[in-house]
Amino acid sequence: MAWRVAVDRSRCMGSGICTALAPSAFALDGERSRPLTEETAPDDALLDAADSCPAGAVTVTEDGRVLGPRD
């Protein structure tokens, strides 16, 4: 089972919250964040990053179902 992590770079404002919460999954690339890998093992830190993104740019999915951000 793998989760897919995506960052909508057109929405990302480069706050760095995702990189602080899940440094093994995200990196700042210039002024925007990017996932280090497209698929990763499940990790609650990824959901926290998606929940905490002020721009709503981080999405975590599993088999096409959105897991994060959580409502």
PDB file of N, CA and C in Angstrom:
ATOM      1  N   MET A   1       0.841  -1.167   0.000  1.00  0.00           N
ATOM      2  CA  MET A   1       0.000   0.000   0.000  1.00  0.00           C
ATOM      3  C   MET A   1       0.891   1.238   0.000  1.00  0.00           C
ATOM      4  N   ALA A   2       0.647   2.135  -0.953  1.00  0.00           N
ATOM      5  CA  ALA A   2       1.427   3.365  -1.052  1.00  0.00           C
ATOM      6  C   ALA A   2       0.489   4.559  -1.166  1.00  0.00           C
ATOM      7  N   TRP A   3       0.941   5.658  -0.644  1.00  0.00           N
ATOM      8  CA  TRP A   3       0.222   6.910  -0.772  1.00  0.00           C
ATOM      9  C   TRP A   3       0.894   7.735  -1.850  1.00  0.00           C
ATOM     10  N   ARG A   4       0.103   8.511  -2.572  1.00  0.00           N
ATOM     11  CA  ARG A   4       0.620   9.451  -3.559  1.00  0.00           C
ATOM     12  C   ARG A   4       0.553  10.842  -2.949  1.00  0.00           C
ATOM     13  N   VAL A   5       1.640  11.573  -3.099  1.00  0.00           N
ATOM     14  CA  VAL A   5       1.725  12.921  -2.554  1.00  0.00           C
ATOM     15  C   VAL A   5       1.926  13.891  -3.717  1.00  0.00           C
ATOM     16  N   ALA A   6       1.134  14.949  -3.727  1.00  0.00           N
ATOM     17  CA  ALA A   6       1.253  15.944  -4.791  1.00  0.00           C
ATOM     18  C   ALA A   6       1.224  17.340  -4.183  1.00  0.00           C
ATOM     19  N   VAL A   7       1.935  18.243  -4.844  1.00  0.00           N
ATOM     20  CA  VAL A   7       1.905  19.656  -4.483  1.00  0.00           C
ATOM     21  C   VAL A   7       1.500  20.427  -5.727  1.00  0.00           C
ATOM     22  N   ASP A   8       0.427  21.178  -5.619  1.00  0.00           N
ATOM     23  CA  ASP A   8      -0.007  22.049  -6.711  1.00  0.00           C
ATOM     24  C   ASP A   8       0.878  23.286  -6.654  1.00  0.00           C
ATOM     25  N   ARG A   9       1.888  23.309  -7.508  1.00  0.00           N
ATOM     26  CA  ARG A   9       2.877  24.386  -7.447  1.00  0.00           C
ATOM     27  C   ARG A   9       2.290  25.741  -7.829  1.00  0.00           C
ATOM     28  N   SER A  10       1.171  25.742  -8.525  1.00  0.00           N
ATOM     29  CA  SER A  10       0.537  27.025  -8.857  1.00  0.00           C
ATOM     30  C   SER A  10      -0.162  27.618  -7.627  1.00  0.00           C
ATOM     31  N   ARG A  11      -0.488  26.781  -6.660  1.00  0.00           N
ATOM     32  CA  ARG A  11      -1.121  27.246  -5.418  1.00  0.00           C
ATOM     33  C   ARG A  11      -0.122  27.436  -4.285  1.00  0.00           C
ATOM     34  N   CYS A  12       0.973  26.694  -4.331  1.00  0.00           N
ATOM     35  CA  CYS A  12       1.975  26.726  -3.255  1.00  0.00           C
ATOM     36  C   CYS A  12       2.526  28.143  -3.081  1.00  0.00           C
ATOM     37  N   MET A  13       2.585  28.573  -1.825  1.00  0.00           N
ATOM     38  CA  MET A  13       3.131  29.893  -1.522  1.00  0.00           C
ATOM     39  C   MET A  13       4.497  29.813  -0.832  1.00  0.00           C
ATOM     40  N   GLY A  14       5.052  28.595  -0.733  1.00  0.00           N
ATOM     41  CA  GLY A  14       6.396  28.413  -0.205  1.00  0.00           C
ATOM     42  C   GLY A  14       6.541  28.676   1.277  1.00  0.00           C
ATOM     43  N   SER A  15       5.497  28.416   2.052  1.00  0.00           N
ATOM     44  CA  SER A  15       5.576  28.663   3.497  1.00  0.00           C
ATOM     45  C   SER A  15       6.571  27.739   4.188  1.00  0.00           C
ATOM     46  N   GLY A  16       6.777  26.542   3.630  1.00  0.00           N
ATOM     47  CA  GLY A  16       7.719  25.589   4.211  1.00  0.00           C
ATOM     48  C   GLY A  16       7.140  24.743   5.324  1.00  0.00           C
ATOM     49  N   ILE A  17       5.856  24.883   5.607  1.00  0.00           N
ATOM     50  CA  ILE A  17       5.241  24.095   6.674  1.00  0.00           C
ATOM     51  C   ILE A  17       5.340  22.604   6.363  1.00  0.00           C
ATOM     52  N   CYS A  18       5.101  22.232   5.119  1.00  0.00           N
ATOM     53  CA  CYS A  18       5.166  20.809   4.751  1.00  0.00           C
ATOM     54  C   CYS A  18       6.576  20.248   4.952  1.00  0.00           C
ATOM     55  N   THR A  19       7.586  21.050   4.613  1.00  0.00           N
ATOM     56  CA  THR A  19       8.961  20.573   4.781  1.00  0.00           C
ATOM     57  C   THR A  19       9.335  20.454   6.253  1.00  0.00           C
ATOM     58  N   ALA A  20       8.748  21.307   7.093  1.00  0.00           N
ATOM     59  CA  ALA A  20       9.017  21.228   8.534  1.00  0.00           C
ATOM     60  C   ALA A  20       8.325  20.016   9.151  1.00  0.00           C
ATOM     61  N   LEU A  21       7.099  19.727   8.710  1.00  0.00           N
ATOM     62  CA  LEU A  21       6.336  18.616   9.286  1.00  0.00           C
ATOM     63  C   LEU A  21       6.753  17.256   8.728  1.00  0.00           C
ATOM     64  N   ALA A  22       7.168  17.226   7.482  1.00  0.00           N
ATOM     65  CA  ALA A  22       7.548  15.950   6.841  1.00  0.00           C
ATOM     66  C   ALA A  22       8.792  16.161   5.975  1.00  0.00           C
ATOM     67  N   PRO A  23       9.941  16.405   6.597  1.00  0.00           N
ATOM     68  CA  PRO A  23      11.155  16.707   5.832  1.00  0.00           C
ATOM     69  C   PRO A  23      11.642  15.563   4.950  1.00  0.00           C
ATOM     70  N   SER A  24      11.218  14.352   5.240  1.00  0.00           N
ATOM     71  CA  SER A  24      11.637  13.231   4.390  1.00  0.00           C
ATOM     72  C   SER A  24      10.756  13.110   3.147  1.00  0.00           C
ATOM     73  N   ALA A  25       9.691  13.912   3.082  1.00  0.00           N
ATOM     74  CA  ALA A  25       8.753  13.812   1.957  1.00  0.00           C
ATOM     75  C   ALA A  25       8.707  15.056   1.082  1.00  0.00           C
ATOM     76  N   PHE A  26       9.126  16.216   1.612  1.00  0.00           N
ATOM     77  CA  PHE A  26       9.018  17.476   0.879  1.00  0.00           C
ATOM     78  C   PHE A  26      10.330  18.247   0.912  1.00  0.00           C
ATOM     79  N   ALA A  27      10.535  19.064  -0.132  1.00  0.00           N
ATOM     80  CA  ALA A  27      11.680  19.970  -0.184  1.00  0.00           C
ATOM     81  C   ALA A  27      11.234  21.256  -0.855  1.00  0.00           C
ATOM     82  N   LEU A  28      11.843  22.357  -0.445  1.00  0.00           N
ATOM     83  CA  LEU A  28      11.594  23.611  -1.138  1.00  0.00           C
ATOM     84  C   LEU A  28      12.480  23.644  -2.374  1.00  0.00           C
ATOM     85  N   ASP A  29      11.866  23.961  -3.486  1.00  0.00           N
ATOM     86  CA  ASP A  29      12.560  24.051  -4.775  1.00  0.00           C
ATOM     87  C   ASP A  29      12.352  25.475  -5.261  1.00  0.00           C
ATOM     88  N   GLY A  30      13.309  26.336  -4.973  1.00  0.00           N
ATOM     89  CA  GLY A  30      13.110  27.754  -5.232  1.00  0.00           C
ATOM     90  C   GLY A  30      12.113  28.288  -4.225  1.00  0.00           C
ATOM     91  N   GLU A  31      11.041  28.874  -4.701  1.00  0.00           N
ATOM     92  CA  GLU A  31      10.037  29.447  -3.810  1.00  0.00           C
ATOM     93  C   GLU A  31       8.833  28.536  -3.626  1.00  0.00           C
ATOM     94  N   ARG A  32       8.903  27.315  -4.117  1.00  0.00           N
ATOM     95  CA  ARG A  32       7.768  26.399  -4.043  1.00  0.00           C
ATOM     96  C   ARG A  32       8.219  25.052  -3.486  1.00  0.00           C
ATOM     97  N   SER A  33       7.269  24.353  -2.899  1.00  0.00           N
ATOM     98  CA  SER A  33       7.539  23.021  -2.372  1.00  0.00           C
ATOM     99  C   SER A  33       7.326  21.976  -3.459  1.00  0.00           C
ATOM    100  N   ARG A  34       7.950  20.840  -3.262  1.00  0.00           N
ATOM    101  CA  ARG A  34       7.733  19.694  -4.151  1.00  0.00           C
ATOM    102  C   ARG A  34       7.892  18.426  -3.339  1.00  0.00           C
ATOM    103  N   PRO A  35       7.162  17.378  -3.728  1.00  0.00           N
ATOM    104  CA  PRO A  35       7.363  16.099  -3.047  1.00  0.00           C
ATOM    105  C   PRO A  35       8.684  15.485  -3.505  1.00  0.00           C
ATOM    106  N   LEU A  36       9.366  14.808  -2.612  1.00  0.00           N
ATOM    107  CA  LEU A  36      10.628  14.162  -2.974  1.00  0.00           C
ATOM    108  C   LEU A  36      10.391  12.910  -3.803  1.00  0.00           C
ATOM    109  N   THR A  37       9.273  12.242  -3.572  1.00  0.00           N
ATOM    110  CA  THR A  37       8.872  11.093  -4.372  1.00  0.00           C
ATOM    111  C   THR A  37       7.371  11.186  -4.607  1.00  0.00           C
ATOM    112  N   GLU A  38       6.913  10.593  -5.678  1.00  0.00           N
ATOM    113  CA  GLU A  38       5.488  10.634  -5.984  1.00  0.00           C
ATOM    114  C   GLU A  38       4.697   9.676  -5.108  1.00  0.00           C
ATOM    115  N   GLU A  39       5.297   8.547  -4.765  1.00  0.00           N
ATOM    116  CA  GLU A  39       4.646   7.558  -3.903  1.00  0.00           C
ATOM    117  C   GLU A  39       5.506   7.324  -2.672  1.00  0.00           C
ATOM    118  N   THR A  40       4.819   7.082  -1.556  1.00  0.00           N
ATOM    119  CA  THR A  40       5.537   6.880  -0.301  1.00  0.00           C
ATOM    120  C   THR A  40       4.727   5.973   0.615  1.00  0.00           C
ATOM    121  N   ALA A  41       5.381   5.465   1.612  1.00  0.00           N
ATOM    122  CA  ALA A  41       4.685   4.658   2.615  1.00  0.00           C
ATOM    123  C   ALA A  41       3.752   5.556   3.421  1.00  0.00           C
ATOM    124  N   PRO A  42       2.645   5.033   3.896  1.00  0.00           N
ATOM    125  CA  PRO A  42       1.739   5.827   4.722  1.00  0.00           C
ATOM    126  C   PRO A  42       2.470   6.417   5.930  1.00  0.00           C
ATOM    127  N   ASP A  43       2.157   7.684   6.213  1.00  0.00           N
ATOM    128  CA  ASP A  43       2.807   8.389   7.313  1.00  0.00           C
ATOM    129  C   ASP A  43       1.878   9.533   7.732  1.00  0.00           C
ATOM    130  N   ASP A  44       1.497   9.563   8.986  1.00  0.00           N
ATOM    131  CA  ASP A  44       0.607  10.609   9.479  1.00  0.00           C
ATOM    132  C   ASP A  44       1.178  12.008   9.289  1.00  0.00           C
ATOM    133  N   ALA A  45       2.505  12.134   9.225  1.00  0.00           N
ATOM    134  CA  ALA A  45       3.120  13.447   9.008  1.00  0.00           C
ATOM    135  C   ALA A  45       2.702  14.028   7.655  1.00  0.00           C
ATOM    136  N   LEU A  46       2.455  13.168   6.678  1.00  0.00           N
ATOM    137  CA  LEU A  46       2.005  13.643   5.366  1.00  0.00           C
ATOM    138  C   LEU A  46       0.605  14.239   5.461  1.00  0.00           C
ATOM    139  N   LEU A  47      -0.252  13.588   6.231  1.00  0.00           N
ATOM    140  CA  LEU A  47      -1.602  14.115   6.429  1.00  0.00           C
ATOM    141  C   LEU A  47      -1.558  15.434   7.205  1.00  0.00           C
ATOM    142  N   ASP A  48      -0.677  15.514   8.190  1.00  0.00           N
ATOM    143  CA  ASP A  48      -0.514  16.757   8.941  1.00  0.00           C
ATOM    144  C   ASP A  48      -0.043  17.882   8.021  1.00  0.00           C
ATOM    145  N   ALA A  49       0.869  17.554   7.102  1.00  0.00           N
ATOM    146  CA  ALA A  49       1.368  18.556   6.152  1.00  0.00           C
ATOM    147  C   ALA A  49       0.247  19.029   5.238  1.00  0.00           C
ATOM    148  N   ALA A  50      -0.568  18.112   4.751  1.00  0.00           N
ATOM    149  CA  ALA A  50      -1.689  18.481   3.887  1.00  0.00           C
ATOM    150  C   ALA A  50      -2.694  19.334   4.655  1.00  0.00           C
ATOM    151  N   ASP A  51      -2.972  18.964   5.899  1.00  0.00           N
ATOM    152  CA  ASP A  51      -3.918  19.714   6.734  1.00  0.00           C
ATOM    153  C   ASP A  51      -3.404  21.121   7.041  1.00  0.00           C
ATOM    154  N   SER A  52      -2.108  21.265   7.197  1.00  0.00           N
ATOM    155  CA  SER A  52      -1.511  22.516   7.656  1.00  0.00           C
ATOM    156  C   SER A  52      -1.129  23.481   6.544  1.00  0.00           C
ATOM    157  N   CYS A  53      -1.151  23.034   5.310  1.00  0.00           N
ATOM    158  CA  CYS A  53      -0.747  23.897   4.191  1.00  0.00           C
ATOM    159  C   CYS A  53      -1.703  25.090   4.089  1.00  0.00           C
ATOM    160  N   PRO A  54      -1.197  26.317   4.255  1.00  0.00           N
ATOM    161  CA  PRO A  54      -2.083  27.482   4.224  1.00  0.00           C
ATOM    162  C   PRO A  54      -2.697  27.742   2.847  1.00  0.00           C
ATOM    163  N   ALA A  55      -2.088  27.209   1.805  1.00  0.00           N
ATOM    164  CA  ALA A  55      -2.607  27.410   0.447  1.00  0.00           C
ATOM    165  C   ALA A  55      -3.447  26.235  -0.035  1.00  0.00           C
ATOM    166  N   GLY A  56      -3.503  25.168   0.767  1.00  0.00           N
ATOM    167  CA  GLY A  56      -4.234  23.974   0.342  1.00  0.00           C
ATOM    168  C   GLY A  56      -3.610  23.312  -0.868  1.00  0.00           C
ATOM    169  N   ALA A  57      -2.289  23.422  -0.980  1.00  0.00           N
ATOM    170  CA  ALA A  57      -1.587  22.920  -2.162  1.00  0.00           C
ATOM    171  C   ALA A  57      -1.162  21.456  -2.065  1.00  0.00           C
ATOM    172  N   VAL A  58      -1.157  20.889  -0.867  1.00  0.00           N
ATOM    173  CA  VAL A  58      -0.694  19.515  -0.666  1.00  0.00           C
ATOM    174  C   VAL A  58      -1.890  18.564  -0.646  1.00  0.00           C
ATOM    175  N   THR A  59      -1.774  17.494  -1.440  1.00  0.00           N
ATOM    176  CA  THR A  59      -2.817  16.473  -1.491  1.00  0.00           C
ATOM    177  C   THR A  59      -2.179  15.105  -1.298  1.00  0.00           C
ATOM    178  N   VAL A  60      -2.817  14.289  -0.478  1.00  0.00           N
ATOM    179  CA  VAL A  60      -2.382  12.906  -0.256  1.00  0.00           C
ATOM    180  C   VAL A  60      -3.532  12.006  -0.694  1.00  0.00           C
ATOM    181  N   THR A  61      -3.228  11.038  -1.560  1.00  0.00           N
ATOM    182  CA  THR A  61      -4.254  10.119  -2.041  1.00  0.00           C
ATOM    183  C   THR A  61      -3.791   8.674  -1.925  1.00  0.00           C
ATOM    184  N   GLU A  62      -4.773   7.787  -1.932  1.00  0.00           N
ATOM    185  CA  GLU A  62      -4.505   6.348  -1.958  1.00  0.00           C
ATOM    186  C   GLU A  62      -5.525   5.732  -2.907  1.00  0.00           C
ATOM    187  N   ASP A  63      -5.055   5.095  -3.952  1.00  0.00           N
ATOM    188  CA  ASP A  63      -5.945   4.480  -4.950  1.00  0.00           C
ATOM    189  C   ASP A  63      -6.999   5.466  -5.459  1.00  0.00           C
ATOM    190  N   GLY A  64      -6.606   6.721  -5.671  1.00  0.00           N
ATOM    191  CA  GLY A  64      -7.505   7.734  -6.193  1.00  0.00           C
ATOM    192  C   GLY A  64      -8.414   8.387  -5.170  1.00  0.00           C
ATOM    193  N   ARG A  65      -8.385   7.918  -3.937  1.00  0.00           N
ATOM    194  CA  ARG A  65      -9.213   8.468  -2.860  1.00  0.00           C
ATOM    195  C   ARG A  65      -8.397   9.493  -2.076  1.00  0.00           C
ATOM    196  N   VAL A  66      -8.944  10.686  -1.906  1.00  0.00           N
ATOM    197  CA  VAL A  66      -8.231  11.750  -1.186  1.00  0.00           C
ATOM    198  C   VAL A  66      -8.253  11.452   0.315  1.00  0.00           C
ATOM    199  N   LEU A  67      -7.050  11.382   0.886  1.00  0.00           N
ATOM    200  CA  LEU A  67      -6.893  11.182   2.322  1.00  0.00           C
ATOM    201  C   LEU A  67      -6.630  12.492   3.037  1.00  0.00           C
ATOM    202  N   GLY A  68      -5.942  13.385   2.371  1.00  0.00           N
ATOM    203  CA  GLY A  68      -5.621  14.670   2.970  1.00  0.00           C
ATOM    204  C   GLY A  68      -5.532  15.738   1.909  1.00  0.00           C
ATOM    205  N   PRO A  69      -5.935  16.933   2.224  1.00  0.00           N
ATOM    206  CA  PRO A  69      -6.230  17.369   3.581  1.00  0.00           C
ATOM    207  C   PRO A  69      -7.544  16.790   4.102  1.00  0.00           C
ATOM    208  N   ARG A  70      -7.554  16.613   5.414  1.00  0.00           N
ATOM    209  CA  ARG A  70      -8.755  16.082   6.074  1.00  0.00           C
ATOM    210  C   ARG A  70      -9.679  17.256   6.407  1.00  0.00           C
ATOM    211  N   ASP A  71     -10.961  16.973   6.429  1.00  0.00           N
ATOM    212  CA  ASP A  71     -11.948  18.015   6.762  1.00  0.00           C
ATOM    213  C   ASP A  71     -11.949  18.321   8.232  1.00  0.00           C
TER     214      ASP A  71
END
